[in-house]
């Protein structure tokens, strides 16, 4: 005889898995934003260091970019 599936239980389990994965994705997105912010800070610091080392102002850099 065929086995009767308990669809309510299966639906509940899959829904719980989806909620768990959504929480994991949310945490990963927050981590990604944090890493991007850190990267931007490092790049900005490198830019400032380069500008100081080469006696360049923001205006000078903008002129170089435009050309």
Protein backbone atom coordinates (compact mmCIF):
# COMPACT_ATOMS: atom_id res chain seq x y z
CA UNK A 1 0.00 0.00 0.00
CA UNK A 2 1.21 3.52 -0.78
CA UNK A 3 2.61 5.58 2.04
CA UNK A 4 0.72 8.77 2.90
CA UNK A 5 2.91 11.85 2.96
CA UNK A 6 2.52 14.41 5.70
CA UNK A 7 2.61 17.54 3.57
CA UNK A 8 1.96 19.90 6.46
CA UNK A 9 5.11 18.68 8.19
CA UNK A 10 7.14 18.89 4.97
CA UNK A 11 5.88 22.42 4.33
CA UNK A 12 6.82 23.42 7.86
CA UNK A 13 10.34 22.00 7.52
CA UNK A 14 10.96 23.69 4.17
CA UNK A 15 9.61 26.99 5.50
CA UNK A 16 11.98 26.76 8.48
CA UNK A 17 14.90 26.11 6.14
CA UNK A 18 13.96 29.14 4.05
CA UNK A 19 13.80 31.36 7.15
CA UNK A 20 17.19 30.09 8.29
CA UNK A 21 18.77 30.76 4.89
CA UNK A 22 17.22 34.23 4.75
CA UNK A 23 18.79 35.02 8.12
CA UNK A 24 22.14 33.75 6.87
CA UNK A 25 21.85 35.88 3.74
CA UNK A 26 21.00 38.95 5.81
CA UNK A 27 24.08 38.38 7.97
CA UNK A 28 26.27 37.88 4.91
CA UNK A 29 24.99 41.08 3.32
CA UNK A 30 25.82 42.99 6.51
CA UNK A 31 29.30 41.46 6.51
CA UNK A 32 29.75 42.39 2.84
CA UNK A 33 28.82 46.01 3.53
CA UNK A 34 31.27 46.10 6.42
CA UNK A 35 34.08 44.77 4.25
CA UNK A 36 33.25 47.27 1.49
CA UNK A 37 33.38 50.12 4.00
CA UNK A 38 36.76 48.96 5.30
CA UNK A 39 38.06 48.69 1.73
CA UNK A 40 36.88 52.21 0.92
CA UNK A 41 38.60 53.58 4.04
CA UNK A 42 41.87 51.89 3.11
CA UNK A 43 41.68 53.15 -0.47
CA UNK A 44 40.90 56.67 0.72
CA UNK A 45 43.86 56.57 3.11
CA UNK A 46 46.10 55.38 0.27
CA UNK A 47 44.87 58.21 -1.93
CA UNK A 48 45.54 60.80 0.77
CA UNK A 49 49.01 59.36 1.36
CA UNK A 50 49.76 59.52 -2.38
CA UNK A 51 48.48 63.09 -2.57
CA UNK A 52 50.65 64.16 0.35
CA UNK A 53 53.71 62.35 -0.97
CA UNK A 54 53.33 64.08 -4.33
CA UNK A 55 52.17 67.46 -3.03
CA UNK A 56 48.83 67.18 -4.85
CA UNK A 57 45.57 68.80 -3.87
CA UNK A 58 42.09 67.49 -4.55
CA UNK A 59 41.83 70.08 -7.31
CA UNK A 60 45.01 68.70 -8.93
CA UNK A 61 43.63 65.16 -8.82
CA UNK A 62 40.33 66.25 -10.36
CA UNK A 63 42.17 67.99 -13.18
CA UNK A 64 44.19 64.84 -13.85
CA UNK A 65 41.03 62.74 -13.95
CA UNK A 66 39.23 65.09 -16.32
CA UNK A 67 42.10 65.05 -18.83
